[in-house]
Protein backbone atom coordinates (compact mmCIF):
# COMPACT_ATOMS: atom_id res chain seq x y z
CA MET A 1 -76.92 12.31 114.00
CA ILE A 2 -75.89 8.95 112.56
CA HIS A 3 -78.19 5.95 112.89
CA ARG A 4 -77.02 2.35 112.89
CA THR A 5 -78.73 -0.07 110.54
CA ASP A 6 -78.80 -3.84 110.19
CA ALA A 7 -77.07 -3.49 106.81
CA PRO A 8 -73.33 -2.88 107.34
CA GLU A 9 -73.03 -0.97 104.04
CA THR A 10 -75.91 1.42 104.86
CA VAL A 11 -75.50 4.65 106.80
CA VAL A 12 -78.45 6.90 107.75
CA ALA A 13 -77.60 10.47 108.71
CA GLU A 14 -79.85 13.29 109.91
CA TYR A 15 -78.67 16.86 109.64
CA GLU A 16 -79.93 20.42 109.40
CA LEU A 17 -78.79 23.19 107.09
CA ALA A 18 -79.32 26.82 108.01
CA GLY A 19 -78.55 30.00 106.19
CA THR A 20 -79.60 33.39 104.95
CA VAL A 21 -80.92 34.19 101.49
CA THR A 22 -78.57 36.99 100.43
CA THR A 23 -81.09 38.68 98.13
CA THR A 24 -83.90 38.90 100.70
CA GLY A 25 -82.24 38.59 104.09
CA LEU A 26 -84.64 35.76 104.98
CA ARG A 27 -83.12 33.28 107.43
CA GLY A 28 -84.20 29.70 107.74
CA ALA A 29 -83.31 26.09 108.38
CA ALA A 30 -84.39 22.75 106.99
CA SER A 31 -83.95 19.16 108.09
CA PHE A 32 -82.42 16.51 105.85
CA VAL A 33 -81.98 12.75 106.01
CA ALA A 34 -79.38 10.99 103.87
CA VAL A 35 -79.20 7.25 103.25
CA LEU A 36 -75.76 6.29 102.03
CA THR A 37 -74.35 3.02 100.73
CA VAL A 38 -70.63 2.62 101.41
CA ARG A 39 -68.37 0.02 99.79
CA GLY A 40 -64.63 -0.17 100.11
CA GLY A 41 -64.58 3.05 102.11
CA LYS A 42 -66.30 5.02 99.33
CA VAL A 43 -69.85 6.31 99.09
CA VAL A 44 -71.40 4.53 96.09
CA ARG A 45 -74.96 5.79 96.55
CA TRP A 46 -76.48 8.84 98.25
CA ARG A 47 -80.22 9.28 98.55
CA GLU A 48 -81.38 12.43 100.29
CA TYR A 49 -84.74 13.41 101.74
CA ARG A 50 -85.41 17.03 102.61
CA ASN A 51 -88.09 19.18 104.17
CA THR A 52 -89.16 20.99 101.01
CA ALA A 53 -91.72 23.15 102.81
CA ALA A 54 -89.08 24.45 105.25
CA ILE A 55 -86.75 25.28 102.37
CA ALA A 56 -89.56 27.09 100.54
CA ALA A 57 -90.46 29.04 103.68
CA ALA A 58 -86.82 30.03 104.18
CA THR A 59 -86.47 31.25 100.60
CA GLY A 60 -89.83 33.04 100.47
CA THR A 61 -91.30 30.64 97.90
CA LEU A 62 -93.75 28.75 100.13
CA PRO A 63 -96.89 30.39 98.64
CA ALA A 64 -95.79 29.34 95.14
CA LEU A 65 -95.02 25.80 96.33
CA LEU A 66 -98.44 25.48 97.96
CA ALA A 67 -100.11 26.89 94.86
CA ALA A 68 -98.34 24.27 92.76
CA TYR A 69 -100.04 21.64 94.92
CA GLY A 70 -103.38 23.45 94.71
CA ASP A 71 -103.47 24.29 98.44
CA ALA A 72 -103.21 28.06 98.26
CA PRO A 73 -103.16 30.87 95.73
CA ALA A 74 -99.76 32.06 94.57
CA ALA A 75 -98.53 35.33 96.02
CA GLY A 76 -98.82 38.19 93.55
């Protein structure tokens, strides 16, 4: 989904990536938002925001991510 902005050089795009971790068979999806600056028909800046927790859950690393933030013990 593309969102219009008041700045003609700025593009905001929402998208989702989905896939399967080949080593574990875990399937998952995560949402992303990209804010792009376009000049002369070329992207001159790309800033991306992602759902890190969804990515960690999809790859089986969520317990380690939460432990890094002090919210849960790491899986053994």
